[in-house]
């Protein structure tokens, strides 16, 4: 009996040793994100975590809490820790470039996700062409103005002025609206700072300053949440149509109530998954595409039902 216990104990110890050795040799990837308040970024994390688990790699996540310099500091820390790859959702796409270059020089591949790095040293980009998708919803808006608003609209914008990609979404939107040829007047652009409560106050102030405004464009999830809440709280659902980015339960409620007209829906979990899978391929010596596009969908009352289960 004593010998049996001894053998079982040896087997357990050997198993633990093998598990520790396996973990020691597992690749470690770091995901540097913007914040963990927005559902969008949490869905990126979910997709990345699932892909990392499936691939047998370790994933650590750093939350910058909307502070650009914190992302640079995190990347420098991960370089010191000698992680095997970095996934970056950048706030300041230009300010973070020196940190990306430092990672490259240390032999650590960086994949940018959601926000493209202009002439950066990252090995790939995973995500959406934000200017083009902004153009897609801009064309939708222009067509809607023609068909449902008598060919004229006064539109305010709730943005995040420190976000390069949200500025791209606004540029694409404006270009497409201009090309559409309708009588559209752009009013103020207010800064929601990628924070829902700030976006709510900014949207309320925008509506107060422009009582004849009849459309709102929100360039990201916190901006859209703020815009929807502002329209609802001020009882303006009958006079303001809302267009924006990234579905939430409140956006779906707004679609049901008729004042949210169209929302660009990305696939953030798919982006996180694709970024991890790309790093895994690189670590195996395989090649990857420099741009890995993840498609978007314009969600309206016609197709919203297929997204309801995501927000129950």
Protein backbone atom coordinates (compact mmCIF):
# COMPACT_ATOMS: atom_id res chain seq x y z
CA UNK A 1 0.00 0.00 0.00
CA UNK A 2 2.83 2.36 0.95
CA UNK A 3 4.63 1.58 -2.32
CA UNK A 4 1.45 2.31 -4.29
CA UNK A 5 1.07 5.73 -2.63
CA UNK A 6 4.72 6.43 -3.31
CA UNK A 7 4.34 5.59 -7.01
CA UNK A 8 1.19 7.70 -7.31
CA UNK A 9 2.97 10.60 -5.65
CA UNK A 10 5.87 10.29 -8.08
CA UNK A 11 3.45 10.23 -11.03
CA UNK A 12 1.67 13.36 -9.80
CA UNK A 13 4.97 15.15 -9.29
CA UNK A 14 6.10 14.16 -12.77
CA UNK A 15 2.82 15.45 -14.25
CA UNK A 16 3.21 18.80 -12.49
CA UNK A 17 6.80 19.03 -13.71
CA UNK A 18 5.74 18.34 -17.29
CA UNK A 19 2.92 20.92 -17.04
CA UNK A 20 5.33 23.52 -15.69
CA UNK A 21 7.79 22.75 -18.45
CA UNK A 22 5.05 23.04 -21.08
CA UNK A 23 3.97 26.42 -19.69
CA UNK A 24 7.58 27.56 -19.57
CA UNK A 25 7.95 26.91 -23.30
CA UNK A 26 4.59 28.38 -24.32
CA UNK A 27 4.77 31.62 -26.28
CA UNK A 28 3.52 34.71 -24.48
CA UNK A 29 1.70 37.41 -26.44
CA UNK A 30 0.79 40.83 -25.02
CA UNK A 31 -2.34 42.73 -26.03
CA UNK A 32 -2.10 46.48 -25.40
CA UNK A 33 -5.60 47.95 -25.58
CA UNK A 34 -7.24 51.38 -25.20
CA UNK A 35 -9.71 50.81 -22.36
CA UNK A 36 -11.91 48.14 -20.88
CA UNK A 37 -15.05 50.25 -20.56
CA UNK A 38 -16.15 49.98 -24.19
CA UNK A 39 -17.79 46.70 -25.18
CA UNK A 40 -15.87 46.82 -28.46
CA UNK A 41 -12.46 46.51 -26.78
CA UNK A 42 -13.70 43.79 -24.44
CA UNK A 43 -14.91 41.83 -27.45
CA UNK A 44 -11.44 42.14 -29.00
CA UNK A 45 -10.06 40.72 -25.74
CA UNK A 46 -12.56 37.85 -25.83
CA UNK A 47 -11.63 36.88 -29.38
CA UNK A 48 -7.92 37.11 -28.64
CA UNK A 49 -8.25 35.07 -25.44
CA UNK A 50 -10.20 32.32 -27.21
CA UNK A 51 -7.64 32.14 -30.03
CA UNK A 52 -4.73 32.09 -27.57
CA UNK A 53 -6.31 29.25 -25.62
CA UNK A 54 -6.93 27.28 -28.80
CA UNK A 55 -3.31 27.79 -29.90
CA UNK A 56 -1.82 26.96 -26.50
CA UNK A 57 -0.19 30.36 -26.00
CA UNK A 58 -0.34 32.70 -23.03
CA UNK A 59 -1.99 36.10 -23.46
CA UNK A 60 -1.55 39.07 -21.14
CA UNK A 61 -3.66 42.23 -21.56
CA UNK A 62 -2.70 45.79 -20.67
CA UNK A 63 -5.42 48.44 -20.25
CA UNK A 64 -4.14 51.95 -21.07
CA UNK A 65 -7.29 53.66 -19.73
CA UNK A 66 -7.27 56.06 -22.70
CA UNK A 67 -3.74 57.35 -21.91
CA UNK A 68 -1.52 57.25 -25.03
CA UNK A 69 1.80 57.38 -23.17
CA UNK A 70 0.76 54.39 -21.07
CA UNK A 71 0.79 52.29 -24.24
CA UNK A 72 4.39 53.26 -24.97
CA UNK A 73 5.40 52.41 -21.41
CA UNK A 74 3.62 49.05 -21.60
CA UNK A 75 5.36 48.09 -24.85
CA UNK A 76 8.74 49.00 -23.35
CA UNK A 77 7.94 46.82 -20.34
CA UNK A 78 6.95 43.91 -22.56
CA UNK A 79 10.20 44.30 -24.51
CA UNK A 80 12.11 44.00 -21.24
CA UNK A 81 10.06 40.93 -20.34
CA UNK A 82 10.88 39.44 -23.77
CA UNK A 83 7.35 38.53 -24.78
CA UNK A 84 7.02 36.67 -28.06
CA UNK A 85 4.63 39.05 -29.81
CA UNK A 86 2.59 42.20 -29.23
CA UNK A 87 -0.90 43.11 -30.41
CA UNK A 88 -1.64 46.84 -30.26
CA UNK A 89 -4.89 48.77 -30.37
CA UNK A 90 -3.29 52.20 -30.64
CA UNK A 91 -4.63 55.49 -29.32
CA UNK A 92 -1.97 57.78 -30.81
CA UNK A 93 -0.83 56.03 -33.98
CA UNK A 94 2.10 58.38 -34.48
CA UNK A 95 3.18 58.75 -30.87
CA UNK A 96 3.43 55.00 -30.38
CA UNK A 97 5.68 54.43 -33.41
CA UNK A 98 9.01 54.65 -31.49
CA UNK A 99 7.85 51.89 -29.14
CA UNK A 100 6.86 49.70 -32.09
CA UNK A 101 10.28 50.27 -33.65
CA UNK A 102 11.95 49.34 -30.36
CA UNK A 103 9.98 46.09 -30.31
CA UNK A 104 11.02 45.32 -33.89
CA UNK A 105 14.67 45.96 -33.02
CA UNK A 106 14.28 43.54 -30.11
CA UNK A 107 12.97 40.88 -32.48
CA UNK A 108 9.40 41.09 -31.20
CA UNK A 109 6.71 41.22 -33.92
CA UNK A 110 3.93 43.77 -33.46
CA UNK A 111 0.50 43.49 -35.08
CA UNK A 112 -1.67 46.60 -35.09
CA UNK A 113 -5.35 45.99 -34.68
CA UNK A 114 -8.25 48.37 -35.37
CA UNK A 115 -5.96 51.40 -35.89
CA UNK A 116 -3.43 51.47 -38.74
CA UNK A 117 0.06 52.79 -37.99
CA UNK A 118 1.24 55.13 -40.77
CA UNK A 119 4.58 53.81 -42.06
CA UNK A 120 5.01 51.90 -38.82
CA UNK A 121 7.31 48.98 -38.09
CA UNK A 122 4.46 46.64 -37.22
CA UNK A 123 4.41 43.52 -39.37
CA UNK A 124 0.68 43.63 -40.12
CA UNK A 125 -2.62 45.39 -39.58
CA UNK A 126 -5.84 43.60 -38.67
CA UNK A 127 -9.13 45.44 -38.84
CA UNK A 128 -11.31 47.76 -40.83
CA UNK A 129 -10.49 50.38 -43.44
CA UNK A 130 -12.00 53.12 -41.29
CA UNK A 131 -11.98 55.81 -43.97
CA UNK A 132 -13.71 53.52 -46.46
CA UNK A 133 -16.28 52.32 -43.92
CA UNK A 134 -16.90 55.93 -42.89
CA UNK A 135 -17.56 56.53 -46.58
CA UNK A 136 -19.99 53.61 -46.66
CA UNK A 137 -22.16 55.03 -43.90
CA UNK A 138 -21.72 58.53 -45.36
CA UNK A 139 -23.21 57.30 -48.63
CA UNK A 140 -26.01 55.58 -46.72
CA UNK A 141 -26.69 58.85 -44.88
CA UNK A 142 -26.68 60.87 -48.09
CA UNK A 143 -29.11 58.45 -49.74
CA UNK A 144 -31.33 58.58 -46.63
CA UNK A 145 -31.32 62.39 -46.69
CA UNK A 146 -32.50 62.25 -50.28
CA UNK A 147 -35.18 59.60 -49.75
CA UNK A 148 -36.46 60.36 -46.24
CA UNK A 149 -35.41 63.90 -45.24
CA UNK A 150 -36.43 65.93 -48.25
CA UNK A 151 -32.88 66.30 -49.55
CA UNK A 152 -31.66 68.51 -46.69
CA UNK A 153 -30.15 67.90 -43.25
CA UNK A 154 -28.22 69.64 -40.49
CA UNK A 155 -25.87 67.15 -38.88
CA UNK A 156 -23.80 67.38 -35.71
CA UNK A 157 -20.93 65.06 -34.90
CA UNK A 158 -19.93 63.38 -31.64
CA UNK A 159 -16.35 62.22 -32.05
CA UNK A 160 -13.20 61.38 -30.11
CA UNK A 161 -10.67 63.91 -31.26
CA UNK A 162 -7.66 62.07 -29.81
CA UNK A 163 -8.55 58.95 -31.80
CA UNK A 164 -6.87 58.73 -35.20
CA UNK A 165 -9.27 56.08 -36.46
CA UNK A 166 -12.38 57.97 -35.38
CA UNK A 167 -11.09 61.02 -37.21
CA UNK A 168 -10.68 58.78 -40.27
CA UNK A 169 -14.30 57.68 -39.90
CA UNK A 170 -15.37 61.31 -39.86
CA UNK A 171 -13.23 62.20 -42.89
CA UNK A 172 -14.68 59.32 -44.90
CA UNK A 173 -18.20 60.20 -43.84
CA UNK A 174 -17.85 63.86 -44.81
CA UNK A 175 -16.29 63.05 -48.18
CA UNK A 176 -19.09 60.66 -49.10
CA UNK A 177 -21.78 63.08 -47.95
CA UNK A 178 -20.23 65.86 -50.03
CA UNK A 179 -20.06 63.55 -53.03
CA UNK A 180 -23.72 62.61 -52.51
CA UNK A 181 -24.73 66.12 -53.52
CA UNK A 182 -27.55 66.65 -51.02
CA UNK A 183 -28.05 69.87 -49.07
CA UNK A 184 -26.24 68.81 -45.89
CA UNK A 185 -24.86 71.34 -43.42
CA UNK A 186 -22.25 70.11 -40.97
CA UNK A 187 -22.64 71.77 -37.58
CA UNK A 188 -20.19 71.46 -34.68
CA UNK A 189 -18.02 68.43 -33.96
CA UNK A 190 -17.87 67.83 -30.20
CA UNK A 191 -15.31 65.72 -28.37
CA UNK A 192 -16.71 62.73 -26.50
CA UNK A 193 -13.15 61.63 -25.61
CA UNK A 194 -14.07 57.96 -26.04
CA UNK A 195 -15.91 58.10 -22.69
CA UNK A 196 -19.67 57.55 -22.57
CA UNK A 197 -20.51 60.15 -19.91
CA UNK A 198 -18.37 62.78 -21.61
CA UNK A 199 -20.00 61.97 -24.95
CA UNK A 200 -23.46 62.26 -23.38
CA UNK A 201 -22.75 65.76 -22.03
CA UNK A 202 -21.14 66.79 -25.31
CA UNK A 203 -24.14 65.55 -27.32
CA UNK A 204 -26.60 67.34 -25.02
CA UNK A 205 -24.64 70.59 -25.39
CA UNK A 206 -24.54 70.11 -29.15
CA UNK A 207 -28.32 69.73 -29.32
CA UNK A 208 -28.90 72.73 -27.05
CA UNK A 209 -26.64 74.92 -29.19
CA UNK A 210 -28.29 73.73 -32.42
CA UNK A 211 -32.05 73.39 -31.88
CA UNK A 212 -32.64 72.90 -35.61
CA UNK A 213 -30.20 69.98 -35.88
CA UNK A 214 -31.96 66.92 -37.30
CA UNK A 215 -29.13 64.35 -37.55
CA UNK A 216 -26.24 63.09 -35.44
CA UNK A 217 -23.19 61.10 -36.50
CA UNK A 218 -21.23 59.29 -33.78
CA UNK A 219 -17.77 57.96 -34.66
CA UNK A 220 -17.42 55.20 -32.03
CA UNK A 221 -19.18 53.15 -29.39
CA UNK A 222 -18.94 55.62 -26.45
CA UNK A 223 -19.93 58.47 -28.78
CA UNK A 224 -22.95 56.54 -30.03
CA UNK A 225 -23.99 55.55 -26.51
CA UNK A 226 -23.80 59.20 -25.48
CA UNK A 227 -25.68 60.40 -28.55
CA UNK A 228 -28.48 57.85 -28.11
CA UNK A 229 -28.83 58.67 -24.41
CA UNK A 230 -28.89 62.41 -25.15
CA UNK A 231 -31.58 62.13 -27.82
CA UNK A 232 -33.69 59.91 -25.57
CA UNK A 233 -33.29 62.03 -22.43
CA UNK A 234 -34.19 65.24 -24.26
CA UNK A 235 -37.16 63.70 -26.05
CA UNK A 236 -35.74 64.46 -29.50
CA UNK A 237 -36.32 61.03 -31.03
CA UNK A 238 -38.99 62.44 -33.32
CA UNK A 239 -36.71 65.15 -34.75
CA UNK A 240 -33.14 63.75 -34.77
CA UNK A 241 -31.92 60.73 -36.69
CA UNK A 242 -28.78 59.04 -35.37
CA UNK A 243 -26.06 57.31 -37.39
CA UNK A 244 -22.92 55.81 -35.91
CA UNK A 245 -20.53 53.01 -35.08
CA UNK A 246 -20.70 49.86 -32.97
CA UNK A 247 -23.92 48.29 -31.79
CA UNK A 248 -24.97 48.15 -28.15
CA UNK A 249 -28.26 47.28 -26.50
CA UNK A 250 -29.19 50.96 -26.30
CA UNK A 251 -28.43 51.41 -30.01
CA UNK A 252 -30.70 48.47 -30.83
CA UNK A 253 -33.40 50.01 -28.62
CA UNK A 254 -32.96 53.23 -30.60
CA UNK A 255 -33.37 51.33 -33.86
CA UNK A 256 -36.58 49.78 -32.50
CA UNK A 257 -37.84 53.23 -31.49
CA UNK A 258 -37.05 54.60 -34.94
CA UNK A 259 -34.53 57.35 -34.20
CA UNK A 260 -31.33 55.33 -34.68
CA UNK A 261 -31.22 54.80 -38.43
CA UNK A 262 -27.96 52.99 -39.20
CA UNK A 263 -24.96 51.67 -37.30
CA UNK A 264 -21.68 50.32 -38.65
CA UNK A 265 -21.08 46.98 -36.94
CA UNK A 266 -17.55 45.63 -36.87
CA UNK A 267 -16.40 42.17 -35.77
CA UNK A 268 -14.11 42.99 -32.82
CA UNK A 269 -13.91 39.40 -31.59
CA UNK A 270 -12.93 38.38 -35.11
CA UNK A 271 -10.20 41.03 -35.12
CA UNK A 272 -8.76 39.78 -31.84
CA UNK A 273 -8.87 36.20 -33.06
CA UNK A 274 -7.23 37.04 -36.39
CA UNK A 275 -4.41 38.98 -34.70
CA UNK A 276 -3.49 36.10 -32.38
CA UNK A 277 -3.70 33.57 -35.22
CA UNK A 278 -1.42 35.77 -37.34
CA UNK A 279 1.20 35.96 -34.57
CA UNK A 280 1.05 32.18 -34.15
CA UNK A 281 1.77 31.77 -37.87
CA UNK A 282 4.69 34.18 -37.68
CA UNK A 283 6.20 32.32 -34.74
CA UNK A 284 5.99 29.12 -36.80
CA UNK A 285 7.91 30.80 -39.61
CA UNK A 286 4.90 31.19 -41.88
CA UNK A 287 4.11 34.34 -43.85
CA UNK A 288 1.06 36.53 -43.30
CA UNK A 289 -0.62 39.27 -45.30
CA UNK A 290 0.42 42.82 -44.29
CA UNK A 291 -3.24 43.87 -44.23
CA UNK A 292 -5.88 41.50 -42.88
CA UNK A 293 -9.24 43.13 -43.49
CA UNK A 294 -12.26 42.25 -41.36
CA UNK A 295 -15.55 43.23 -43.04
CA UNK A 296 -18.24 45.50 -41.58
CA UNK A 297 -22.02 45.55 -41.86
CA UNK A 298 -24.43 48.49 -41.84
CA UNK A 299 -27.16 47.53 -39.36
CA UNK A 300 -30.65 48.97 -39.82
CA UNK A 301 -34.16 47.98 -38.82
CA UNK A 302 -34.12 45.53 -41.74
CA UNK A 303 -31.29 43.35 -40.43
CA UNK A 304 -30.99 44.15 -36.71
CA UNK A 305 -32.69 40.95 -35.56
CA UNK A 306 -29.62 38.84 -36.27
CA UNK A 307 -27.63 40.87 -33.71
CA UNK A 308 -30.08 40.89 -30.80
CA UNK A 309 -28.71 37.78 -29.10
CA UNK A 310 -25.31 39.46 -28.72
CA UNK A 311 -26.74 41.97 -26.26
CA UNK A 312 -29.13 39.93 -24.12
